[in-house]
Amino acid sequence: MLFYQREVNKKGKIKEYNPQLINDFELIKANHGDFFVQMQESFWMIDAERLNFTYGSKTIKFGIQLNDKEAETVFKELKKELKKY
């Protein structure tokens, strides 16, 4: 199982995802020259997800406030783990 928790002040609900039902796992590339991307990456924004996957009919986004290197590292590690299923 893949567990994900969006935490604020050490509180948040843990969501579980069956790796066998995860599809289209991808890295969201940021266009750093775009004004809206720069705004979204600001420290006060909480919706700048860098990764997503399809789970059933829903698109699940995660990886808030990751820089390019961090997003790539998380992507590679999760991709490697998901191949096991």
PDB file of N, CA and C in Angstrom:
ATOM      1  N   MET A   1       0.845  -1.187   0.000  1.00  0.00           N
ATOM      2  CA  MET A   1       0.000   0.000   0.000  1.00  0.00           C
ATOM      3  C   MET A   1       0.887   1.246   0.000  1.00  0.00           C
ATOM      4  N   LEU A   2       0.393   2.274  -0.643  1.00  0.00           N
ATOM      5  CA  LEU A   2       1.039   3.574  -0.649  1.00  0.00           C
ATOM      6  C   LEU A   2       0.230   4.467   0.280  1.00  0.00           C
ATOM      7  N   PHE A   3       0.888   5.058   1.257  1.00  0.00           N
ATOM      8  CA  PHE A   3       0.222   5.923   2.222  1.00  0.00           C
ATOM      9  C   PHE A   3       0.627   7.365   1.958  1.00  0.00           C
ATOM     10  N   TYR A   4      -0.356   8.265   2.001  1.00  0.00           N
ATOM     11  CA  TYR A   4      -0.098   9.684   1.772  1.00  0.00           C
ATOM     12  C   TYR A   4      -0.884  10.500   2.791  1.00  0.00           C
ATOM     13  N   GLN A   5      -0.190  11.463   3.388  1.00  0.00           N
ATOM     14  CA  GLN A   5      -0.836  12.344   4.355  1.00  0.00           C
ATOM     15  C   GLN A   5      -0.468  13.780   4.047  1.00  0.00           C
ATOM     16  N   ARG A   6      -1.473  14.600   3.846  1.00  0.00           N
ATOM     17  CA  ARG A   6      -1.264  16.036   3.681  1.00  0.00           C
ATOM     18  C   ARG A   6      -1.427  16.632   5.071  1.00  0.00           C
ATOM     19  N   GLU A   7      -0.315  17.062   5.636  1.00  0.00           N
ATOM     20  CA  GLU A   7      -0.272  17.429   7.049  1.00  0.00           C
ATOM     21  C   GLU A   7      -0.186  18.937   7.243  1.00  0.00           C
ATOM     22  N   VAL A   8      -1.011  19.443   8.161  1.00  0.00           N
ATOM     23  CA  VAL A   8      -0.967  20.837   8.579  1.00  0.00           C
ATOM     24  C   VAL A   8      -0.995  20.837  10.097  1.00  0.00           C
ATOM     25  N   ASN A   9       0.017  21.447  10.716  1.00  0.00           N
ATOM     26  CA  ASN A   9       0.131  21.467  12.176  1.00  0.00           C
ATOM     27  C   ASN A   9       0.057  20.062  12.780  1.00  0.00           C
ATOM     28  N   LYS A  10       0.742  19.125  12.132  1.00  0.00           N
ATOM     29  CA  LYS A  10       0.829  17.733  12.573  1.00  0.00           C
ATOM     30  C   LYS A  10      -0.535  17.038  12.601  1.00  0.00           C
ATOM     31  N   LYS A  11      -1.455  17.518  11.784  1.00  0.00           N
ATOM     32  CA  LYS A  11      -2.775  16.896  11.678  1.00  0.00           C
ATOM     33  C   LYS A  11      -3.086  16.682  10.205  1.00  0.00           C
ATOM     34  N   GLY A  12      -3.763  15.586   9.948  1.00  0.00           N
ATOM     35  CA  GLY A  12      -4.162  15.283   8.584  1.00  0.00           C
ATOM     36  C   GLY A  12      -4.546  13.822   8.467  1.00  0.00           C
ATOM     37  N   LYS A  13      -5.427  13.536   7.544  1.00  0.00           N
ATOM     38  CA  LYS A  13      -5.904  12.176   7.336  1.00  0.00           C
ATOM     39  C   LYS A  13      -4.949  11.417   6.419  1.00  0.00           C
ATOM     40  N   ILE A  14      -4.628  10.200   6.781  1.00  0.00           N
ATOM     41  CA  ILE A  14      -3.766   9.346   5.956  1.00  0.00           C
ATOM     42  C   ILE A  14      -4.638   8.633   4.931  1.00  0.00           C
ATOM     43  N   LYS A  15      -4.258   8.759   3.661  1.00  0.00           N
ATOM     44  CA  LYS A  15      -4.977   8.083   2.585  1.00  0.00           C
ATOM     45  C   LYS A  15      -4.150   6.907   2.116  1.00  0.00           C
ATOM     46  N   GLU A  16      -4.828   5.808   1.799  1.00  0.00           N
ATOM     47  CA  GLU A  16      -4.170   4.595   1.333  1.00  0.00           C
ATOM     48  C   GLU A  16      -4.484   4.372  -0.139  1.00  0.00           C
ATOM     49  N   TYR A  17      -3.461   3.967  -0.892  1.00  0.00           N
ATOM     50  CA  TYR A  17      -3.623   3.674  -2.313  1.00  0.00           C
ATOM     51  C   TYR A  17      -3.000   2.322  -2.610  1.00  0.00           C
ATOM     52  N   ASN A  18      -3.751   1.483  -3.299  1.00  0.00           N
ATOM     53  CA  ASN A  18      -3.263   0.184  -3.721  1.00  0.00           C
ATOM     54  C   ASN A  18      -2.347   0.388  -4.933  1.00  0.00           C
ATOM     55  N   PRO A  19      -1.075   0.025  -4.837  1.00  0.00           N
ATOM     56  CA  PRO A  19      -0.135   0.242  -5.946  1.00  0.00           C
ATOM     57  C   PRO A  19      -0.554  -0.420  -7.258  1.00  0.00           C
ATOM     58  N   GLN A  20      -1.316  -1.498  -7.175  1.00  0.00           N
ATOM     59  CA  GLN A  20      -1.749  -2.181  -8.388  1.00  0.00           C
ATOM     60  C   GLN A  20      -2.789  -1.371  -9.162  1.00  0.00           C
ATOM     61  N   LEU A  21      -3.421  -0.404  -8.511  1.00  0.00           N
ATOM     62  CA  LEU A  21      -4.444   0.416  -9.161  1.00  0.00           C
ATOM     63  C   LEU A  21      -3.925   1.793  -9.571  1.00  0.00           C
ATOM     64  N   ILE A  22      -2.627   2.036  -9.356  1.00  0.00           N
ATOM     65  CA  ILE A  22      -2.026   3.316  -9.721  1.00  0.00           C
ATOM     66  C   ILE A  22      -1.569   3.257 -11.177  1.00  0.00           C
ATOM     67  N   ASN A  23      -2.008   4.246 -11.960  1.00  0.00           N
ATOM     68  CA  ASN A  23      -1.641   4.332 -13.374  1.00  0.00           C
ATOM     69  C   ASN A  23      -1.126   5.728 -13.686  1.00  0.00           C
ATOM     70  N   ASP A  24      -0.443   5.842 -14.797  1.00  0.00           N
ATOM     71  CA  ASP A  24       0.004   7.133 -15.338  1.00  0.00           C
ATOM     72  C   ASP A  24       0.738   7.989 -14.305  1.00  0.00           C
ATOM     73  N   PHE A  25       1.654   7.396 -13.585  1.00  0.00           N
ATOM     74  CA  PHE A  25       2.451   8.135 -12.608  1.00  0.00           C
ATOM     75  C   PHE A  25       3.403   9.044 -13.368  1.00  0.00           C
ATOM     76  N   GLU A  26       3.376  10.350 -13.068  1.00  0.00           N
ATOM     77  CA  GLU A  26       4.214  11.269 -13.832  1.00  0.00           C
ATOM     78  C   GLU A  26       4.674  12.458 -13.006  1.00  0.00           C
ATOM     79  N   LEU A  27       5.742  13.031 -13.497  1.00  0.00           N
ATOM     80  CA  LEU A  27       6.337  14.228 -12.922  1.00  0.00           C
ATOM     81  C   LEU A  27       5.751  15.432 -13.651  1.00  0.00           C
ATOM     82  N   ILE A  28       5.286  16.417 -12.915  1.00  0.00           N
ATOM     83  CA  ILE A  28       4.744  17.636 -13.508  1.00  0.00           C
ATOM     84  C   ILE A  28       5.895  18.621 -13.672  1.00  0.00           C
ATOM     85  N   LYS A  29       6.220  18.911 -14.908  1.00  0.00           N
ATOM     86  CA  LYS A  29       7.318  19.842 -15.193  1.00  0.00           C
ATOM     87  C   LYS A  29       6.839  21.270 -14.987  1.00  0.00           C
ATOM     88  N   ALA A  30       7.661  22.072 -14.341  1.00  0.00           N
ATOM     89  CA  ALA A  30       7.324  23.472 -14.102  1.00  0.00           C
ATOM     90  C   ALA A  30       8.034  24.353 -15.119  1.00  0.00           C
ATOM     91  N   ASN A  31       7.307  25.290 -15.690  1.00  0.00           N
ATOM     92  CA  ASN A  31       7.883  26.268 -16.605  1.00  0.00           C
ATOM     93  C   ASN A  31       8.251  27.484 -15.762  1.00  0.00           C
ATOM     94  N   HIS A  32       9.490  27.583 -15.359  1.00  0.00           N
ATOM     95  CA  HIS A  32       9.909  28.609 -14.405  1.00  0.00           C
ATOM     96  C   HIS A  32       9.831  30.029 -14.952  1.00  0.00           C
ATOM     97  N   GLY A  33       9.651  30.195 -16.256  1.00  0.00           N
ATOM     98  CA  GLY A  33       9.506  31.523 -16.830  1.00  0.00           C
ATOM     99  C   GLY A  33       8.065  32.026 -16.784  1.00  0.00           C
ATOM    100  N   ASP A  34       7.134  31.149 -16.459  1.00  0.00           N
ATOM    101  CA  ASP A  34       5.718  31.494 -16.422  1.00  0.00           C
ATOM    102  C   ASP A  34       5.382  32.203 -15.106  1.00  0.00           C
ATOM    103  N   PHE A  35       4.712  33.334 -15.186  1.00  0.00           N
ATOM    104  CA  PHE A  35       4.352  34.118 -14.004  1.00  0.00           C
ATOM    105  C   PHE A  35       3.508  33.310 -13.032  1.00  0.00           C
ATOM    106  N   PHE A  36       2.536  32.555 -13.556  1.00  0.00           N
ATOM    107  CA  PHE A  36       1.643  31.794 -12.685  1.00  0.00           C
ATOM    108  C   PHE A  36       2.373  30.662 -11.971  1.00  0.00           C
ATOM    109  N   VAL A  37       3.342  30.072 -12.617  1.00  0.00           N
ATOM    110  CA  VAL A  37       4.147  29.031 -11.973  1.00  0.00           C
ATOM    111  C   VAL A  37       4.975  29.644 -10.850  1.00  0.00           C
ATOM    112  N   GLN A  38       5.530  30.821 -11.101  1.00  0.00           N
ATOM    113  CA  GLN A  38       6.301  31.492 -10.049  1.00  0.00           C
ATOM    114  C   GLN A  38       5.418  31.827  -8.857  1.00  0.00           C
ATOM    115  N   MET A  39       4.207  32.261  -9.099  1.00  0.00           N
ATOM    116  CA  MET A  39       3.266  32.552  -8.004  1.00  0.00           C
ATOM    117  C   MET A  39       2.926  31.273  -7.238  1.00  0.00           C
ATOM    118  N   GLN A  40       2.701  30.187  -7.980  1.00  0.00           N
ATOM    119  CA  GLN A  40       2.321  28.928  -7.364  1.00  0.00           C
ATOM    120  C   GLN A  40       3.442  28.361  -6.491  1.00  0.00           C
ATOM    121  N   GLU A  41       4.690  28.644  -6.851  1.00  0.00           N
ATOM    122  CA  GLU A  41       5.826  28.143  -6.094  1.00  0.00           C
ATOM    123  C   GLU A  41       6.173  29.019  -4.898  1.00  0.00           C
ATOM    124  N   SER A  42       5.427  30.091  -4.685  1.00  0.00           N
ATOM    125  CA  SER A  42       5.668  30.964  -3.549  1.00  0.00           C
ATOM    126  C   SER A  42       5.399  30.219  -2.250  1.00  0.00           C
ATOM    127  N   PHE A  43       6.072  30.626  -1.180  1.00  0.00           N
ATOM    128  CA  PHE A  43       5.981  29.905   0.082  1.00  0.00           C
ATOM    129  C   PHE A  43       4.584  29.907   0.683  1.00  0.00           C
ATOM    130  N   TRP A  44       3.747  30.876   0.348  1.00  0.00           N
ATOM    131  CA  TRP A  44       2.422  30.942   0.952  1.00  0.00           C
ATOM    132  C   TRP A  44       1.378  30.097   0.216  1.00  0.00           C
ATOM    133  N   MET A  45       1.715  29.557  -0.934  1.00  0.00           N
ATOM    134  CA  MET A  45       0.787  28.719  -1.688  1.00  0.00           C
ATOM    135  C   MET A  45       0.922  27.263  -1.243  1.00  0.00           C
ATOM    136  N   ILE A  46      -0.203  26.581  -1.105  1.00  0.00           N
ATOM    137  CA  ILE A  46      -0.159  25.185  -0.665  1.00  0.00           C
ATOM    138  C   ILE A  46      -0.655  24.216  -1.733  1.00  0.00           C
ATOM    139  N   ASP A  47      -0.667  24.658  -2.983  1.00  0.00           N
ATOM    140  CA  ASP A  47      -1.168  23.767  -4.028  1.00  0.00           C
ATOM    141  C   ASP A  47      -0.207  23.621  -5.211  1.00  0.00           C
ATOM    142  N   ALA A  48       1.059  23.660  -4.939  1.00  0.00           N
ATOM    143  CA  ALA A  48       2.059  23.555  -6.008  1.00  0.00           C
ATOM    144  C   ALA A  48       2.581  22.125  -6.098  1.00  0.00           C
ATOM    145  N   GLU A  49       1.679  21.189  -6.414  1.00  0.00           N
ATOM    146  CA  GLU A  49       2.061  19.786  -6.503  1.00  0.00           C
ATOM    147  C   GLU A  49       2.949  19.548  -7.719  1.00  0.00           C
ATOM    148  N   ARG A  50       3.889  18.624  -7.589  1.00  0.00           N
ATOM    149  CA  ARG A  50       4.843  18.342  -8.670  1.00  0.00           C
ATOM    150  C   ARG A  50       4.716  16.930  -9.231  1.00  0.00           C
ATOM    151  N   LEU A  51       3.910  16.068  -8.596  1.00  0.00           N
ATOM    152  CA  LEU A  51       3.751  14.688  -9.049  1.00  0.00           C
ATOM    153  C   LEU A  51       2.268  14.351  -9.089  1.00  0.00           C
ATOM    154  N   ASN A  52       1.908  13.421  -9.973  1.00  0.00           N
ATOM    155  CA  ASN A  52       0.526  12.957  -9.958  1.00  0.00           C
ATOM    156  C   ASN A  52       0.425  11.553 -10.526  1.00  0.00           C
ATOM    157  N   PHE A  53      -0.716  10.920 -10.247  1.00  0.00           N
ATOM    158  CA  PHE A  53      -1.033   9.617 -10.811  1.00  0.00           C
ATOM    159  C   PHE A  53      -2.543   9.480 -10.906  1.00  0.00           C
ATOM    160  N   THR A  54      -2.963   8.529 -11.726  1.00  0.00           N
ATOM    161  CA  THR A  54      -4.381   8.233 -11.869  1.00  0.00           C
ATOM    162  C   THR A  54      -4.698   7.051 -10.978  1.00  0.00           C
ATOM    163  N   TYR A  55      -5.763   7.194 -10.199  1.00  0.00           N
ATOM    164  CA  TYR A  55      -6.203   6.129  -9.300  1.00  0.00           C
ATOM    165  C   TYR A  55      -7.696   5.959  -9.538  1.00  0.00           C
ATOM    166  N   GLY A  56      -8.037   4.922 -10.281  1.00  0.00           N
ATOM    167  CA  GLY A  56      -9.425   4.771 -10.703  1.00  0.00           C
ATOM    168  C   GLY A  56      -9.740   5.876 -11.705  1.00  0.00           C
ATOM    169  N   SER A  57     -10.758   6.668 -11.410  1.00  0.00           N
ATOM    170  CA  SER A  57     -11.115   7.774 -12.308  1.00  0.00           C
ATOM    171  C   SER A  57     -10.617   9.120 -11.793  1.00  0.00           C
ATOM    172  N   LYS A  58      -9.858   9.110 -10.698  1.00  0.00           N
ATOM    173  CA  LYS A  58      -9.369  10.354 -10.105  1.00  0.00           C
ATOM    174  C   LYS A  58      -7.896  10.575 -10.400  1.00  0.00           C
ATOM    175  N   THR A  59      -7.518  11.842 -10.513  1.00  0.00           N
ATOM    176  CA  THR A  59      -6.116  12.214 -10.612  1.00  0.00           C
ATOM    177  C   THR A  59      -5.672  12.688  -9.240  1.00  0.00           C
ATOM    178  N   ILE A  60      -4.670  12.031  -8.689  1.00  0.00           N
ATOM    179  CA  ILE A  60      -4.148  12.348  -7.365  1.00  0.00           C
ATOM    180  C   ILE A  60      -2.855  13.138  -7.549  1.00  0.00           C
ATOM    181  N   LYS A  61      -2.837  14.357  -7.014  1.00  0.00           N
ATOM    182  CA  LYS A  61      -1.643  15.198  -7.094  1.00  0.00           C
ATOM    183  C   LYS A  61      -0.997  15.274  -5.715  1.00  0.00           C
ATOM    184  N   PHE A  62       0.331  15.297  -5.705  1.00  0.00           N
ATOM    185  CA  PHE A  62       1.061  15.395  -4.445  1.00  0.00           C
ATOM    186  C   PHE A  62       2.456  15.939  -4.699  1.00  0.00           C
ATOM    187  N   GLY A  63       3.221  16.132  -3.656  1.00  0.00           N
ATOM    188  CA  GLY A  63       4.574  16.661  -3.785  1.00  0.00           C
ATOM    189  C   GLY A  63       4.574  18.178  -3.733  1.00  0.00           C
ATOM    190  N   ILE A  64       3.947  18.724  -2.723  1.00  0.00           N
ATOM    191  CA  ILE A  64       3.817  20.175  -2.590  1.00  0.00           C
ATOM    192  C   ILE A  64       5.172  20.820  -2.284  1.00  0.00           C
ATOM    193  N   GLN A  65       5.445  21.912  -2.996  1.00  0.00           N
ATOM    194  CA  GLN A  65       6.626  22.742  -2.761  1.00  0.00           C
ATOM    195  C   GLN A  65       7.958  22.017  -2.952  1.00  0.00           C
ATOM    196  N   LEU A  66       8.003  21.043  -3.844  1.00  0.00           N
ATOM    197  CA  LEU A  66       9.267  20.374  -4.146  1.00  0.00           C
ATOM    198  C   LEU A  66       9.985  21.146  -5.246  1.00  0.00           C
ATOM    199  N   ASN A  67      11.291  21.298  -5.103  1.00  0.00           N
ATOM    200  CA  ASN A  67      12.046  21.895  -6.201  1.00  0.00           C
ATOM    201  C   ASN A  67      12.276  20.815  -7.262  1.00  0.00           C
ATOM    202  N   ASP A  68      12.896  21.173  -8.378  1.00  0.00           N
ATOM    203  CA  ASP A  68      13.083  20.223  -9.481  1.00  0.00           C
ATOM    204  C   ASP A  68      13.856  18.981  -9.054  1.00  0.00           C
ATOM    205  N   LYS A  69      14.928  19.169  -8.322  1.00  0.00           N
ATOM    206  CA  LYS A  69      15.765  18.038  -7.907  1.00  0.00           C
ATOM    207  C   LYS A  69      15.010  17.115  -6.949  1.00  0.00           C
ATOM    208  N   GLU A  70      14.306  17.688  -5.986  1.00  0.00           N
ATOM    209  CA  GLU A  70      13.539  16.880  -5.033  1.00  0.00           C
ATOM    210  C   GLU A  70      12.423  16.113  -5.740  1.00  0.00           C
ATOM    211  N   ALA A  71      11.724  16.789  -6.642  1.00  0.00           N
ATOM    212  CA  ALA A  71      10.636  16.143  -7.382  1.00  0.00           C
ATOM    213  C   ALA A  71      11.159  14.980  -8.213  1.00  0.00           C
ATOM    214  N   GLU A  72      12.283  15.169  -8.870  1.00  0.00           N
ATOM    215  CA  GLU A  72      12.882  14.106  -9.679  1.00  0.00           C
ATOM    216  C   GLU A  72      13.305  12.922  -8.815  1.00  0.00           C
ATOM    217  N   THR A  73      13.869  13.191  -7.645  1.00  0.00           N
ATOM    218  CA  THR A  73      14.296  12.127  -6.732  1.00  0.00           C
ATOM    219  C   THR A  73      13.094  11.318  -6.238  1.00  0.00           C
ATOM    220  N   VAL A  74      12.046  11.999  -5.807  1.00  0.00           N
ATOM    221  CA  VAL A  74      10.841  11.313  -5.323  1.00  0.00           C
ATOM    222  C   VAL A  74      10.218  10.514  -6.460  1.00  0.00           C
ATOM    223  N   PHE A  75      10.166  11.099  -7.655  1.00  0.00           N
ATOM    224  CA  PHE A  75       9.606  10.419  -8.812  1.00  0.00           C
ATOM    225  C   PHE A  75      10.350   9.112  -9.108  1.00  0.00           C
ATOM    226  N   LYS A  76      11.676   9.184  -9.149  1.00  0.00           N
ATOM    227  CA  LYS A  76      12.475   7.990  -9.448  1.00  0.00           C
ATOM    228  C   LYS A  76      12.288   6.903  -8.394  1.00  0.00           C
ATOM    229  N   GLU A  77      12.289   7.286  -7.125  1.00  0.00           N
ATOM    230  CA  GLU A  77      12.145   6.309  -6.046  1.00  0.00           C
ATOM    231  C   GLU A  77      10.767   5.643  -6.065  1.00  0.00           C
ATOM    232  N   LEU A  78       9.723   6.441  -6.228  1.00  0.00           N
ATOM    233  CA  LEU A  78       8.381   5.864  -6.263  1.00  0.00           C
ATOM    234  C   LEU A  78       8.166   5.017  -7.512  1.00  0.00           C
ATOM    235  N   LYS A  79       8.697   5.461  -8.637  1.00  0.00           N
ATOM    236  CA  LYS A  79       8.571   4.693  -9.873  1.00  0.00           C
ATOM    237  C   LYS A  79       9.215   3.315  -9.706  1.00  0.00           C
ATOM    238  N   LYS A  80      10.384   3.291  -9.058  1.00  0.00           N
ATOM    239  CA  LYS A  80      11.085   2.031  -8.802  1.00  0.00           C
ATOM    240  C   LYS A  80      10.244   1.122  -7.897  1.00  0.00           C
ATOM    241  N   GLU A  81       9.639   1.683  -6.877  1.00  0.00           N
ATOM    242  CA  GLU A  81       8.808   0.903  -5.951  1.00  0.00           C
ATOM    243  C   GLU A  81       7.539   0.402  -6.624  1.00  0.00           C
ATOM    244  N   LEU A  82       6.931   1.227  -7.461  1.00  0.00           N
ATOM    245  CA  LEU A  82       5.680   0.837  -8.131  1.00  0.00           C
ATOM    246  C   LEU A  82       5.900  -0.266  -9.140  1.00  0.00           C
ATOM    247  N   LYS A  83       7.105  -0.401  -9.685  1.00  0.00           N
ATOM    248  CA  LYS A  83       7.401  -1.471 -10.634  1.00  0.00           C
ATOM    249  C   LYS A  83       7.307  -2.843  -9.982  1.00  0.00           C
ATOM    250  N   LYS A  84       7.420  -2.904  -8.675  1.00  0.00           N
ATOM    251  CA  LYS A  84       7.380  -4.168  -7.955  1.00  0.00           C
ATOM    252  C   LYS A  84       5.963  -4.771  -7.940  1.00  0.00           C
ATOM    253  N   TYR A  85       4.972  -3.947  -8.280  1.00  0.00           N
ATOM    254  CA  TYR A  85       3.577  -4.417  -8.204  1.00  0.00           C
ATOM    255  C   TYR A  85       3.005  -4.674  -9.548  1.00  0.00           C
TER     256      TYR A  85
END
